[in-house]
Amino acid sequence: QVQLVESGGGLVQAGGSSRLSCAASGRTFSSAAMGWFRQVPGKEREFVAAISRTGGRTYYPDSVKGRFTISRDNAKNTVYLQMNNLKPEDTAVYYCAAGFPFLDVVLLQRYEYPYWGQGTQVTVSS
């Protein structure tokens, strides 16, 4: 089992920055590929960023590429999402997720992540 707890977020002005953290406990964090997703009411949960278990590989969709950065600190069992140049359309509940692939790869699909945090709200005002 893995427990994930997100923190950070809140209200930020458009063009501003925010950093989300996700603390993991339970199963060995260094074995986990981590991801961030977001969801707004009435829409499907959307992939935002992924990082491999060593941190050597990352992946972003075009919607956030160049603005968001995922990173991890395996010594602290924590994954981060640095969000810059935020836009009102970035408003959502942000979730971190953990999966355990055999290789040092990124996971891009929701079904590849069996463990999820409770989510943290990010609201970007225009």
Foldseek 3Di string as FASTA:
>chain_A
DKAKAKDKADEAAAQAKIKMKIAMDDPQLLQKKKFKWWDDPPDDIGGAKIAFSVRPDMDGDPVQPPFWDWGDDSVRRMIMIIGGNDDQVVWTWMKMFIAGDPDRDIDGDPVRTPDIYPTDTHGYHD
